[in-house]
């Protein structure tokens, strides 16, 4: 019987063997035929399907979204609008996440700038970053025990 063992499939698709087994377990990837020694034997259809799944995951689609996309790609009567709507929903979520990350970046830039301006870099009980994160900002104490505001 020709085909790929799990290691070869993993290499062809850039997916580790544990993930392949997990995808089989949850039904994203069909359980393969077995050869002597009970070893899994995958074919070209499995390579294509796993490559598709991997690309979906690389785009950040959830397992359930991938499941829907897999069903759409297998259905010859599929509607492109279903895939488009799913992609639009995911795009909206990514855009929200990007806004959240931009706000996080701004806060981190402010943390570093405050530390650069106030911190001598030495040991001490006061750190403006740690105080801010813990909600115990002590403006009069300075940063890193310097006594600087």
Foldseek 3Di string as FASTA:
>chain_A
DDADFLVVLCVLQVHDSVVVVVCCVVVQAPFADADPVRTGGHHPVRSVSSNQLVVCVVVPDDPVLSSVVSVQVVDPVHDVVVVVVSVVVVVVVVVVVVVVVVVVVVVVVVQVVQCVVFPPPEADDAAQNVCVVVVNHDQQCTHRRPSGD
